[in-house]
Protein backbone atom coordinates (compact mmCIF):
# COMPACT_ATOMS: atom_id res chain seq x y z
CA MET A 1 0.12 0.11 0.16
CA ALA A 2 1.30 3.27 -0.86
CA GLU A 3 -0.14 4.98 2.31
CA ASN A 4 1.91 2.55 4.41
CA VAL A 5 5.01 3.25 2.56
CA THR A 6 4.54 6.90 3.13
CA ILE A 7 4.09 6.36 6.70
CA ALA A 8 6.90 4.09 6.99
CA ARG A 9 9.53 6.11 5.16
CA PRO A 10 10.48 8.50 8.04
CA TYR A 11 10.80 5.63 10.39
CA ALA A 12 13.14 3.80 7.80
CA GLU A 13 15.09 7.08 7.22
CA ALA A 14 15.45 7.63 10.76
CA ALA A 15 16.85 4.02 11.47
CA PHE A 16 19.02 4.30 8.50
CA ALA A 17 20.44 7.60 9.81
CA MET A 18 21.21 6.00 13.18
CA ALA A 19 22.64 2.81 11.84
CA ASP A 20 24.81 4.89 9.26
CA ALA A 21 26.15 7.19 11.96
CA GLY A 22 26.99 4.20 14.23
CA GLY A 23 28.50 2.06 11.52
CA THR A 24 25.87 -0.70 12.11
CA LEU A 25 23.96 -0.83 8.89
CA ALA A 26 24.57 -4.53 8.63
CA ARG A 27 23.40 -5.40 12.06
CA TRP A 28 20.40 -3.03 11.75
CA GLY A 29 19.40 -4.77 8.49
CA GLN A 30 19.65 -8.25 10.06
CA ALA A 31 17.52 -7.10 12.91
CA PHE A 32 15.09 -5.54 10.43
CA ASP A 33 14.78 -8.86 8.57
CA ILE A 34 13.89 -11.00 11.73
CA MET A 35 11.68 -8.32 13.11
CA ALA A 36 9.61 -7.79 9.77
CA GLU A 37 9.21 -11.54 9.88
CA VAL A 38 7.90 -11.60 13.38
CA ALA A 39 5.66 -8.61 12.56
CA SER A 40 4.15 -10.30 9.58
CA HIS A 41 3.27 -13.45 11.37
CA PRO A 42 -0.60 -13.71 11.73
CA GLU A 43 -0.70 -14.34 15.41
CA MET A 44 1.50 -11.37 15.92
CA ARG A 45 -0.50 -9.22 13.81
CA GLU A 46 -3.55 -10.17 15.98
CA ALA A 47 -1.65 -9.14 18.99
CA ILE A 48 -0.66 -5.88 17.39
CA GLY A 49 -4.44 -5.16 16.97
CA ASN A 50 -5.54 -6.16 20.31
CA PRO A 51 -6.43 -3.23 22.32
CA ARG A 52 -6.29 -5.13 25.64
CA LEU A 53 -2.53 -5.54 25.44
CA THR A 54 -0.59 -2.65 26.96
CA ASP A 55 2.38 -1.21 24.92
CA GLU A 56 4.78 -3.06 27.59
CA GLN A 57 2.90 -6.27 26.99
CA LEU A 58 3.21 -6.07 23.44
CA TYR A 59 6.77 -5.06 23.43
CA GLY A 60 7.69 -8.04 25.73
CA LEU A 61 5.85 -10.41 23.48
CA PHE A 62 7.41 -8.95 20.33
CA ALA A 63 10.95 -8.82 21.76
CA SER A 64 10.66 -12.55 23.13
CA LEU A 65 9.89 -13.51 19.42
CA ALA A 66 12.47 -11.45 17.71
CA GLY A 67 15.27 -12.64 20.18
CA ASP A 68 18.69 -11.30 20.72
CA VAL A 69 18.98 -9.36 17.33
CA MET A 70 17.63 -6.25 19.23
CA SER A 71 20.40 -3.97 20.27
CA ALA A 72 19.47 -1.14 22.78
CA GLU A 73 19.08 1.12 19.99
CA VAL A 74 16.80 -1.42 18.07
CA GLN A 75 14.79 -1.95 21.40
CA ASN A 76 14.29 1.82 21.65
CA PHE A 77 13.24 2.06 18.03
CA THR A 78 10.72 -0.78 18.50
CA ARG A 79 9.16 0.89 21.55
CA LEU A 80 8.69 4.08 19.58
CA LEU A 81 6.94 1.99 16.68
CA ILE A 82 4.66 0.47 19.48
CA GLN A 83 3.93 3.73 21.16
CA ASN A 84 2.86 5.28 17.74
CA ALA A 85 0.85 2.03 16.76
CA ARG A 86 3.31 1.50 13.82
CA LEU A 87 4.63 -2.00 14.72
CA ALA A 88 2.77 -3.60 11.65
CA LEU A 89 4.58 -1.32 9.43
CA LEU A 90 7.85 -3.19 9.99
CA PRO A 91 7.86 -5.08 6.73
CA GLU A 92 7.61 -1.59 4.82
CA ILE A 93 10.18 0.04 7.19
CA ARG A 94 12.52 -3.04 6.50
CA ASP A 95 12.16 -2.60 2.64
CA LEU A 96 12.70 1.11 2.74
CA PHE A 97 15.81 0.62 5.00
CA GLN A 98 17.28 -1.93 2.86
CA GLU A 99 16.77 0.28 -0.23
CA LEU A 100 18.55 3.03 1.37
CA LYS A 101 21.50 0.55 2.40
CA HIS A 102 21.78 -0.39 -1.06
CA GLU A 103 21.93 2.85 -2.37
CA ARG A 104 24.58 3.78 0.07
CA GLU A 105 26.69 0.53 -0.83
CA GLY A 106 25.95 0.91 -4.65
CA ILE A 107 23.84 -2.06 -4.85
CA VAL A 108 20.78 -2.46 -6.98
CA ASP A 109 17.97 -5.10 -6.80
CA ALA A 110 17.07 -6.87 -9.90
CA GLU A 111 13.78 -8.81 -10.23
CA VAL A 112 14.65 -11.41 -12.77
CA SER A 113 11.73 -13.57 -14.05
CA THR A 114 12.69 -16.69 -16.22
CA ALA A 115 10.91 -19.42 -18.10
CA PHE A 116 13.22 -22.01 -16.64
CA GLU A 117 15.38 -22.27 -13.60
CA LEU A 118 18.96 -20.76 -14.12
CA ASP A 119 22.03 -22.66 -13.12
CA ALA A 120 24.77 -20.88 -11.13
CA ALA A 121 26.81 -20.07 -14.50
CA GLN A 122 23.99 -18.70 -16.27
CA LEU A 123 23.07 -16.39 -13.00
CA ALA A 124 26.54 -15.33 -12.81
CA ASP A 125 26.86 -14.51 -16.55
CA LEU A 126 23.52 -12.64 -16.25
CA THR A 127 24.69 -10.71 -12.92
CA VAL A 128 27.94 -9.63 -14.74
CA GLU A 129 26.07 -8.16 -17.74
CA LEU A 130 23.49 -6.45 -15.41
CA GLU A 131 26.37 -4.86 -13.42
CA ARG A 132 27.95 -3.59 -16.67
CA ARG A 133 24.70 -2.24 -17.91
CA PHE A 134 23.80 -0.46 -14.66
CA ARG A 135 27.41 0.19 -13.64
CA ARG A 136 26.64 -0.88 -10.05
CA LYS A 137 26.52 -4.12 -8.08
CA VAL A 138 23.48 -6.16 -8.84
CA ASN A 139 21.48 -8.22 -6.34
CA PRO A 140 19.41 -10.65 -8.58
CA VAL A 141 16.29 -12.06 -7.17
CA VAL A 142 15.14 -14.74 -9.54
CA THR A 143 11.67 -16.20 -10.04
CA VAL A 144 10.35 -18.67 -12.56
CA ASP A 145 7.39 -17.70 -14.62
CA LYS A 146 6.39 -20.51 -17.15
CA GLU A 147 4.24 -17.87 -18.88
CA LEU A 148 7.33 -16.34 -20.32
CA ILE A 149 7.70 -19.36 -22.62
CA GLY A 150 11.36 -18.67 -23.01
CA GLY A 151 13.90 -15.99 -22.13
CA VAL A 152 14.04 -13.60 -19.28
CA ARG A 153 12.36 -10.27 -18.08
CA VAL A 154 14.52 -8.16 -15.65
CA ARG A 155 13.17 -5.25 -13.60
CA VAL A 156 15.55 -2.84 -12.14
CA GLY A 157 13.80 0.04 -10.42
CA ASP A 158 11.49 1.35 -12.97
CA GLU A 159 13.43 -0.11 -15.92
CA VAL A 160 12.30 -3.39 -17.51
CA ILE A 161 14.37 -5.22 -19.98
CA GLU A 162 12.01 -7.46 -21.65
CA ASN A 163 13.85 -10.36 -23.63
CA SER A 164 11.30 -13.07 -23.22
CA ILE A 165 9.57 -15.14 -26.00
CA ARG A 166 6.11 -13.92 -24.67
CA GLY A 167 7.31 -10.30 -24.81
CA GLN A 168 8.72 -10.60 -28.37
CA LEU A 169 5.40 -12.15 -29.46
CA ALA A 170 3.46 -9.17 -27.85
CA VAL A 171 5.52 -6.87 -29.74
CA MET A 172 5.05 -8.67 -32.94
CA ALA A 173 1.17 -8.67 -32.43
CA ALA A 174 1.33 -5.01 -31.63
CA ALA A 175 3.22 -4.40 -35.01
CA LEU A 176 0.90 -6.52 -37.06
CA LYS A 177 -2.19 -4.41 -35.68
CA ASN A 178 -0.71 -1.20 -36.92
């Protein structure tokens, strides 16, 4: 939801600023991964929405599930989220934090859709080509989409590289209609 992202952005930016200043970007990133998973669990979502739980009870439950990834700063951040009724936004906050972290590190995420599984060599070759094209380190996230028939579709930010059979057929169909 766009609204959730809008609300989550200041929290992600504040967490990023703290982590960046403290040189703890990796540790915060790991904490966000675990905390977002905990916050996404259906039973935790139910607890987050339970008006009978006090902020302290909710924090205790959340902290017990998140485990020892929560440094003192992360604990304070979590308490702030609970106080402002924003704990459910942790998945969005994590995603925005990771975007900021990747931007700082010169990394770009690439959503790669293929018709068939890629072996390690094919993925390595594709990654090298994408890094050459985007002049940044590429973090590929690969999914298999049988509807592509063959080839690959790559999405990096707003840019889409369509090199699938299905995409080529769509271009040909559009050309024939004109």
